Structures are given as structure tokens and as C-alpha cells.
Amino acid sequence: MILTNGQITKVHIVISNVKMWLRGTFNRYPSDKHLSKYLDEFEFRFNRRGKLETIFDKLLDRCIQRTTITLAELKA
């Protein structure tokens, strides 16, 4: 698969947005242990950026459907 110049530019913009979001939100990059969770959140927000009116409802539904975890499990 060969990327065109326009596609490379879009990929670069997305990567830059991820880096700015992580540094802007947390003032540092997360550890390797938690990086995948932060990237999952970015992906969730990125994929729903055009549907901002439903993002809170969908997030709330997903929180309700998940089982709760303790602080010890979160830190493990």
C-alpha cells in the first residue's frame, strides 16, 4: 500500500493531535502500562468527533454496562 502525500499529511496531523492531547491533558506522556487505555479514549473521541450531541449518552451507556473495578485492580 502506497500512501499519497495527502494521506501522509492526514496521518501526521492525527499523530500530532494525539501527542498534543496527551501532553495538554496530562502534562506528560502516560506510562507504557496505561498508554493503551489513553489511546482507546482518544480513538473513542476521534471516531465520534462529528457526533458530539450523542457522545455523552454513549459514554454513559458504556460506563453502566461495564463491571466496576476496585482501586487495587486499577493500580495492578
PDB file of N, CA and C in Angstrom:
ATOM      1  N   MET A   1       0.839  -1.179   0.000  1.00  0.00           N
ATOM      2  CA  MET A   1       0.000   0.000   0.000  1.00  0.00           C
ATOM      3  C   MET A   1       0.883   1.241   0.000  1.00  0.00           C
ATOM      4  N   ILE A   2       0.679   2.081  -0.962  1.00  0.00           N
ATOM      5  CA  ILE A   2       1.457   3.307  -1.084  1.00  0.00           C
ATOM      6  C   ILE A   2       0.569   4.486  -0.693  1.00  0.00           C
ATOM      7  N   LEU A   3       1.065   5.286   0.226  1.00  0.00           N
ATOM      8  CA  LEU A   3       0.314   6.456   0.666  1.00  0.00           C
ATOM      9  C   LEU A   3       0.643   7.657  -0.205  1.00  0.00           C
ATOM     10  N   THR A   4      -0.390   8.426  -0.500  1.00  0.00           N
ATOM     11  CA  THR A   4      -0.160   9.662  -1.247  1.00  0.00           C
ATOM     12  C   THR A   4       0.290  10.745  -0.277  1.00  0.00           C
ATOM     13  N   ASN A   5       0.735  11.842  -0.816  1.00  0.00           N
ATOM     14  CA  ASN A   5       1.202  12.943   0.017  1.00  0.00           C
ATOM     15  C   ASN A   5       0.077  13.467   0.914  1.00  0.00           C
ATOM     16  N   GLY A   6      -1.147  13.526   0.383  1.00  0.00           N
ATOM     17  CA  GLY A   6      -2.280  13.990   1.179  1.00  0.00           C
ATOM     18  C   GLY A   6      -2.596  13.049   2.332  1.00  0.00           C
ATOM     19  N   GLN A   7      -2.475  11.739   2.096  1.00  0.00           N
ATOM     20  CA  GLN A   7      -2.729  10.761   3.150  1.00  0.00           C
ATOM     21  C   GLN A   7      -1.663  10.836   4.237  1.00  0.00           C
ATOM     22  N   ILE A   8      -0.429  11.017   3.820  1.00  0.00           N
ATOM     23  CA  ILE A   8       0.661  11.145   4.794  1.00  0.00           C
ATOM     24  C   ILE A   8       0.439  12.376   5.664  1.00  0.00           C
ATOM     25  N   THR A   9      -0.014  13.444   5.060  1.00  0.00           N
ATOM     26  CA  THR A   9      -0.298  14.670   5.815  1.00  0.00           C
ATOM     27  C   THR A   9      -1.380  14.418   6.849  1.00  0.00           C
ATOM     28  N   LYS A  10      -2.442  13.708   6.477  1.00  0.00           N
ATOM     29  CA  LYS A  10      -3.530  13.416   7.422  1.00  0.00           C
ATOM     30  C   LYS A  10      -3.051  12.533   8.570  1.00  0.00           C
ATOM     31  N   VAL A  11      -2.230  11.547   8.265  1.00  0.00           N
ATOM     32  CA  VAL A  11      -1.677  10.679   9.308  1.00  0.00           C
ATOM     33  C   VAL A  11      -0.815  11.503  10.258  1.00  0.00           C
ATOM     34  N   HIS A  12      -0.009  12.388   9.712  1.00  0.00           N
ATOM     35  CA  HIS A  12       0.840  13.254  10.535  1.00  0.00           C
ATOM     36  C   HIS A  12      -0.009  14.141  11.449  1.00  0.00           C
ATOM     37  N   ILE A  13      -1.104  14.664  10.937  1.00  0.00           N
ATOM     38  CA  ILE A  13      -1.985  15.519  11.738  1.00  0.00           C
ATOM     39  C   ILE A  13      -2.602  14.731  12.890  1.00  0.00           C
ATOM     40  N   VAL A  14      -3.056  13.500  12.611  1.00  0.00           N
ATOM     41  CA  VAL A  14      -3.645  12.672  13.668  1.00  0.00           C
ATOM     42  C   VAL A  14      -2.612  12.356  14.743  1.00  0.00           C
ATOM     43  N   ILE A  15      -1.416  11.994  14.348  1.00  0.00           N
ATOM     44  CA  ILE A  15      -0.357  11.696  15.323  1.00  0.00           C
ATOM     45  C   ILE A  15      -0.030  12.943  16.149  1.00  0.00           C
ATOM     46  N   SER A  16       0.040  14.085  15.506  1.00  0.00           N
ATOM     47  CA  SER A  16       0.300  15.338  16.232  1.00  0.00           C
ATOM     48  C   SER A  16      -0.823  15.641  17.211  1.00  0.00           C
ATOM     49  N   ASN A  17      -2.065  15.386  16.794  1.00  0.00           N
ATOM     50  CA  ASN A  17      -3.208  15.620  17.688  1.00  0.00           C
ATOM     51  C   ASN A  17      -3.163  14.707  18.906  1.00  0.00           C
ATOM     52  N   VAL A  18      -2.783  13.457  18.715  1.00  0.00           N
ATOM     53  CA  VAL A  18      -2.656  12.526  19.840  1.00  0.00           C
ATOM     54  C   VAL A  18      -1.610  13.036  20.820  1.00  0.00           C
ATOM     55  N   LYS A  19      -0.470  13.424  20.305  1.00  0.00           N
ATOM     56  CA  LYS A  19       0.609  13.903  21.178  1.00  0.00           C
ATOM     57  C   LYS A  19       0.197  15.172  21.923  1.00  0.00           C
ATOM     58  N   MET A  20      -0.444  16.097  21.228  1.00  0.00           N
ATOM     59  CA  MET A  20      -0.886  17.335  21.887  1.00  0.00           C
ATOM     60  C   MET A  20      -1.963  17.054  22.923  1.00  0.00           C
ATOM     61  N   TRP A  21      -2.882  16.120  22.617  1.00  0.00           N
ATOM     62  CA  TRP A  21      -3.945  15.782  23.555  1.00  0.00           C
ATOM     63  C   TRP A  21      -3.360  15.175  24.825  1.00  0.00           C
ATOM     64  N   LEU A  22      -2.415  14.250  24.669  1.00  0.00           N
ATOM     65  CA  LEU A  22      -1.804  13.628  25.838  1.00  0.00           C
ATOM     66  C   LEU A  22      -1.034  14.644  26.671  1.00  0.00           C
ATOM     67  N   ARG A  23      -0.232  15.451  26.023  1.00  0.00           N
ATOM     68  CA  ARG A  23       0.574  16.428  26.774  1.00  0.00           C
ATOM     69  C   ARG A  23      -0.281  17.548  27.332  1.00  0.00           C
ATOM     70  N   GLY A  24      -1.318  17.945  26.609  1.00  0.00           N
ATOM     71  CA  GLY A  24      -2.187  19.017  27.083  1.00  0.00           C
ATOM     72  C   GLY A  24      -3.087  18.591  28.218  1.00  0.00           C
ATOM     73  N   THR A  25      -3.535  17.352  28.184  1.00  0.00           N
ATOM     74  CA  THR A  25      -4.446  16.853  29.208  1.00  0.00           C
ATOM     75  C   THR A  25      -3.700  16.435  30.463  1.00  0.00           C
ATOM     76  N   PHE A  26      -2.580  15.800  30.311  1.00  0.00           N
ATOM     77  CA  PHE A  26      -1.891  15.201  31.446  1.00  0.00           C
ATOM     78  C   PHE A  26      -0.544  15.841  31.750  1.00  0.00           C
ATOM     79  N   ASN A  27      -0.115  16.804  30.932  1.00  0.00           N
ATOM     80  CA  ASN A  27       1.170  17.494  31.092  1.00  0.00           C
ATOM     81  C   ASN A  27       2.368  16.564  31.019  1.00  0.00           C
ATOM     82  N   ARG A  28       2.146  15.368  30.528  1.00  0.00           N
ATOM     83  CA  ARG A  28       3.222  14.400  30.337  1.00  0.00           C
ATOM     84  C   ARG A  28       2.637  13.230  29.561  1.00  0.00           C
ATOM     85  N   TYR A  29       3.479  12.346  29.114  1.00  0.00           N
ATOM     86  CA  TYR A  29       3.000  11.142  28.452  1.00  0.00           C
ATOM     87  C   TYR A  29       2.729  10.073  29.506  1.00  0.00           C
ATOM     88  N   PRO A  30       1.665   9.295  29.359  1.00  0.00           N
ATOM     89  CA  PRO A  30       1.395   8.240  30.345  1.00  0.00           C
ATOM     90  C   PRO A  30       2.423   7.120  30.239  1.00  0.00           C
ATOM     91  N   SER A  31       2.498   6.326  31.291  1.00  0.00           N
ATOM     92  CA  SER A  31       3.432   5.191  31.279  1.00  0.00           C
ATOM     93  C   SER A  31       2.973   4.159  30.257  1.00  0.00           C
ATOM     94  N   ASP A  32       3.881   3.292  29.876  1.00  0.00           N
ATOM     95  CA  ASP A  32       3.566   2.229  28.916  1.00  0.00           C
ATOM     96  C   ASP A  32       2.417   1.355  29.407  1.00  0.00           C
ATOM     97  N   LYS A  33       2.333   1.196  30.716  1.00  0.00           N
ATOM     98  CA  LYS A  33       1.308   0.354  31.314  1.00  0.00           C
ATOM     99  C   LYS A  33      -0.100   0.861  30.991  1.00  0.00           C
ATOM    100  N   HIS A  34      -0.283   2.182  30.961  1.00  0.00           N
ATOM    101  CA  HIS A  34      -1.610   2.767  30.772  1.00  0.00           C
ATOM    102  C   HIS A  34      -1.805   3.411  29.401  1.00  0.00           C
ATOM    103  N   LEU A  35      -0.791   3.395  28.573  1.00  0.00           N
ATOM    104  CA  LEU A  35      -0.870   4.079  27.284  1.00  0.00           C
ATOM    105  C   LEU A  35      -2.014   3.566  26.415  1.00  0.00           C
ATOM    106  N   SER A  36      -2.240   2.269  26.396  1.00  0.00           N
ATOM    107  CA  SER A  36      -3.299   1.726  25.534  1.00  0.00           C
ATOM    108  C   SER A  36      -4.670   2.238  25.941  1.00  0.00           C
ATOM    109  N   LYS A  37      -4.911   2.426  27.226  1.00  0.00           N
ATOM    110  CA  LYS A  37      -6.206   2.957  27.687  1.00  0.00           C
ATOM    111  C   LYS A  37      -6.390   4.404  27.232  1.00  0.00           C
ATOM    112  N   TYR A  38      -5.338   5.203  27.316  1.00  0.00           N
ATOM    113  CA  TYR A  38      -5.428   6.587  26.866  1.00  0.00           C
ATOM    114  C   TYR A  38      -5.647   6.656  25.359  1.00  0.00           C
ATOM    115  N   LEU A  39      -4.984   5.774  24.623  1.00  0.00           N
ATOM    116  CA  LEU A  39      -5.181   5.750  23.169  1.00  0.00           C
ATOM    117  C   LEU A  39      -6.583   5.269  22.812  1.00  0.00           C
ATOM    118  N   ASP A  40      -7.152   4.351  23.607  1.00  0.00           N
ATOM    119  CA  ASP A  40      -8.535   3.925  23.396  1.00  0.00           C
ATOM    120  C   ASP A  40      -9.494   5.093  23.581  1.00  0.00           C
ATOM    121  N   GLU A  41      -9.248   5.917  24.605  1.00  0.00           N
ATOM    122  CA  GLU A  41     -10.099   7.088  24.828  1.00  0.00           C
ATOM    123  C   GLU A  41      -9.973   8.074  23.671  1.00  0.00           C
ATOM    124  N   PHE A  42      -8.742   8.305  23.205  1.00  0.00           N
ATOM    125  CA  PHE A  42      -8.556   9.212  22.076  1.00  0.00           C
ATOM    126  C   PHE A  42      -9.285   8.681  20.850  1.00  0.00           C
ATOM    127  N   GLU A  43      -9.176   7.380  20.599  1.00  0.00           N
ATOM    128  CA  GLU A  43      -9.861   6.778  19.455  1.00  0.00           C
ATOM    129  C   GLU A  43     -11.375   6.945  19.573  1.00  0.00           C
ATOM    130  N   PHE A  44     -11.912   6.734  20.777  1.00  0.00           N
ATOM    131  CA  PHE A  44     -13.343   6.904  21.012  1.00  0.00           C
ATOM    132  C   PHE A  44     -13.773   8.330  20.667  1.00  0.00           C
ATOM    133  N   ARG A  45     -13.029   9.299  21.170  1.00  0.00           N
ATOM    134  CA  ARG A  45     -13.371  10.705  20.906  1.00  0.00           C
ATOM    135  C   ARG A  45     -13.181  11.068  19.436  1.00  0.00           C
ATOM    136  N   PHE A  46     -12.096  10.573  18.841  1.00  0.00           N
ATOM    137  CA  PHE A  46     -11.801  10.893  17.441  1.00  0.00           C
ATOM    138  C   PHE A  46     -12.884  10.338  16.515  1.00  0.00           C
ATOM    139  N   ASN A  47     -13.300   9.097  16.763  1.00  0.00           N
ATOM    140  CA  ASN A  47     -14.304   8.472  15.909  1.00  0.00           C
ATOM    141  C   ASN A  47     -15.686   9.091  16.054  1.00  0.00           C
ATOM    142  N   ARG A  48     -15.923   9.813  17.135  1.00  0.00           N
ATOM    143  CA  ARG A  48     -17.220  10.422  17.363  1.00  0.00           C
ATOM    144  C   ARG A  48     -17.180  11.949  17.327  1.00  0.00           C
ATOM    145  N   ARG A  49     -16.123  12.491  16.752  1.00  0.00           N
ATOM    146  CA  ARG A  49     -15.958  13.943  16.754  1.00  0.00           C
ATOM    147  C   ARG A  49     -17.052  14.660  15.968  1.00  0.00           C
ATOM    148  N   GLY A  50     -17.681  13.999  15.004  1.00  0.00           N
ATOM    149  CA  GLY A  50     -18.753  14.617  14.228  1.00  0.00           C
ATOM    150  C   GLY A  50     -20.113  14.455  14.857  1.00  0.00           C
ATOM    151  N   LYS A  51     -20.213  13.672  15.930  1.00  0.00           N
ATOM    152  CA  LYS A  51     -21.490  13.394  16.586  1.00  0.00           C
ATOM    153  C   LYS A  51     -21.424  13.810  18.053  1.00  0.00           C
ATOM    154  N   LEU A  52     -21.053  15.019  18.306  1.00  0.00           N
ATOM    155  CA  LEU A  52     -20.836  15.475  19.677  1.00  0.00           C
ATOM    156  C   LEU A  52     -22.105  15.469  20.522  1.00  0.00           C
ATOM    157  N   GLU A  53     -23.273  15.557  19.885  1.00  0.00           N
ATOM    158  CA  GLU A  53     -24.516  15.588  20.656  1.00  0.00           C
ATOM    159  C   GLU A  53     -24.832  14.240  21.303  1.00  0.00           C
ATOM    160  N   THR A  54     -24.259  13.144  20.811  1.00  0.00           N
ATOM    161  CA  THR A  54     -24.538  11.824  21.372  1.00  0.00           C
ATOM    162  C   THR A  54     -23.362  11.232  22.146  1.00  0.00           C
ATOM    163  N   ILE A  55     -22.242  11.909  22.205  1.00  0.00           N
ATOM    164  CA  ILE A  55     -21.050  11.312  22.817  1.00  0.00           C
ATOM    165  C   ILE A  55     -21.247  11.044  24.311  1.00  0.00           C
ATOM    166  N   PHE A  56     -21.906  11.952  25.019  1.00  0.00           N
ATOM    167  CA  PHE A  56     -22.095  11.752  26.458  1.00  0.00           C
ATOM    168  C   PHE A  56     -23.026  10.576  26.721  1.00  0.00           C
ATOM    169  N   ASP A  57     -24.125  10.469  25.966  1.00  0.00           N
ATOM    170  CA  ASP A  57     -25.067   9.369  26.148  1.00  0.00           C
ATOM    171  C   ASP A  57     -24.407   8.016  25.900  1.00  0.00           C
ATOM    172  N   LYS A  58     -23.617   7.925  24.849  1.00  0.00           N
ATOM    173  CA  LYS A  58     -22.944   6.658  24.541  1.00  0.00           C
ATOM    174  C   LYS A  58     -21.891   6.328  25.595  1.00  0.00           C
ATOM    175  N   LEU A  59     -21.178   7.331  26.063  1.00  0.00           N
ATOM    176  CA  LEU A  59     -20.188   7.109  27.110  1.00  0.00           C
ATOM    177  C   LEU A  59     -20.867   6.633  28.392  1.00  0.00           C
ATOM    178  N   LEU A  60     -21.984   7.243  28.748  1.00  0.00           N
ATOM    179  CA  LEU A  60     -22.727   6.850  29.941  1.00  0.00           C
ATOM    180  C   LEU A  60     -23.246   5.417  29.810  1.00  0.00           C
ATOM    181  N   ASP A  61     -23.773   5.062  28.655  1.00  0.00           N
ATOM    182  CA  ASP A  61     -24.234   3.682  28.420  1.00  0.00           C
ATOM    183  C   ASP A  61     -23.100   2.686  28.607  1.00  0.00           C
ATOM    184  N   ARG A  62     -21.938   2.995  28.080  1.00  0.00           N
ATOM    185  CA  ARG A  62     -20.799   2.075  28.208  1.00  0.00           C
ATOM    186  C   ARG A  62     -20.325   1.966  29.652  1.00  0.00           C
ATOM    187  N   CYS A  63     -20.390   3.053  30.392  1.00  0.00           N
ATOM    188  CA  CYS A  63     -19.998   3.008  31.810  1.00  0.00           C
ATOM    189  C   CYS A  63     -20.960   2.138  32.609  1.00  0.00           C
ATOM    190  N   ILE A  64     -22.234   2.210  32.299  1.00  0.00           N
ATOM    191  CA  ILE A  64     -23.239   1.431  33.018  1.00  0.00           C
ATOM    192  C   ILE A  64     -23.101  -0.055  32.697  1.00  0.00           C
ATOM    193  N   GLN A  65     -22.769  -0.387  31.479  1.00  0.00           N
ATOM    194  CA  GLN A  65     -22.687  -1.780  31.059  1.00  0.00           C
ATOM    195  C   GLN A  65     -21.439  -2.490  31.578  1.00  0.00           C
ATOM    196  N   ARG A  66     -20.438  -1.758  31.990  1.00  0.00           N
ATOM    197  CA  ARG A  66     -19.186  -2.349  32.463  1.00  0.00           C
ATOM    198  C   ARG A  66     -19.303  -2.739  33.929  1.00  0.00           C
ATOM    199  N   THR A  67     -18.515  -3.726  34.340  1.00  0.00           N
ATOM    200  CA  THR A  67     -18.453  -4.069  35.754  1.00  0.00           C
ATOM    201  C   THR A  67     -17.496  -3.105  36.440  1.00  0.00           C
ATOM    202  N   THR A  68     -17.744  -2.856  37.695  1.00  0.00           N
ATOM    203  CA  THR A  68     -16.883  -1.931  38.431  1.00  0.00           C
ATOM    204  C   THR A  68     -15.607  -2.646  38.851  1.00  0.00           C
ATOM    205  N   ILE A  69     -14.550  -1.874  39.035  1.00  0.00           N
ATOM    206  CA  ILE A  69     -13.286  -2.421  39.496  1.00  0.00           C
ATOM    207  C   ILE A  69     -12.829  -1.621  40.701  1.00  0.00           C
ATOM    208  N   THR A  70     -12.061  -2.271  41.541  1.00  0.00           N
ATOM    209  CA  THR A  70     -11.558  -1.600  42.736  1.00  0.00           C
ATOM    210  C   THR A  70     -10.303  -0.800  42.386  1.00  0.00           C
ATOM    211  N   LEU A  71      -9.910   0.056  43.313  1.00  0.00           N
ATOM    212  CA  LEU A  71      -8.697   0.839  43.109  1.00  0.00           C
ATOM    213  C   LEU A  71      -7.475  -0.073  43.008  1.00  0.00           C
ATOM    214  N   ALA A  72      -7.461  -1.127  43.802  1.00  0.00           N
ATOM    215  CA  ALA A  72      -6.335  -2.069  43.765  1.00  0.00           C
ATOM    216  C   ALA A  72      -6.238  -2.744  42.395  1.00  0.00           C
ATOM    217  N   GLU A  73      -7.382  -3.093  41.806  1.00  0.00           N
ATOM    218  CA  GLU A  73      -7.382  -3.698  40.466  1.00  0.00           C
ATOM    219  C   GLU A  73      -6.918  -2.691  39.435  1.00  0.00           C
ATOM    220  N   LEU A  74      -7.306  -1.437  39.609  1.00  0.00           N
ATOM    221  CA  LEU A  74      -6.907  -0.396  38.669  1.00  0.00           C
ATOM    222  C   LEU A  74      -5.404  -0.165  38.699  1.00  0.00           C
ATOM    223  N   LYS A  75      -4.827  -0.201  39.879  1.00  0.00           N
ATOM    224  CA  LYS A  75      -3.390   0.019  40.026  1.00  0.00           C
ATOM    225  C   LYS A  75      -2.552  -1.184  39.646  1.00  0.00           C
ATOM    226  N   ALA A  76      -3.164  -2.349  39.574  1.00  0.00           N
ATOM    227  CA  ALA A  76      -2.416  -3.592  39.266  1.00  0.00           C
ATOM    228  C   ALA A  76      -1.904  -3.618  37.860  1.00  0.00           C
TER     229      ALA A  76
END
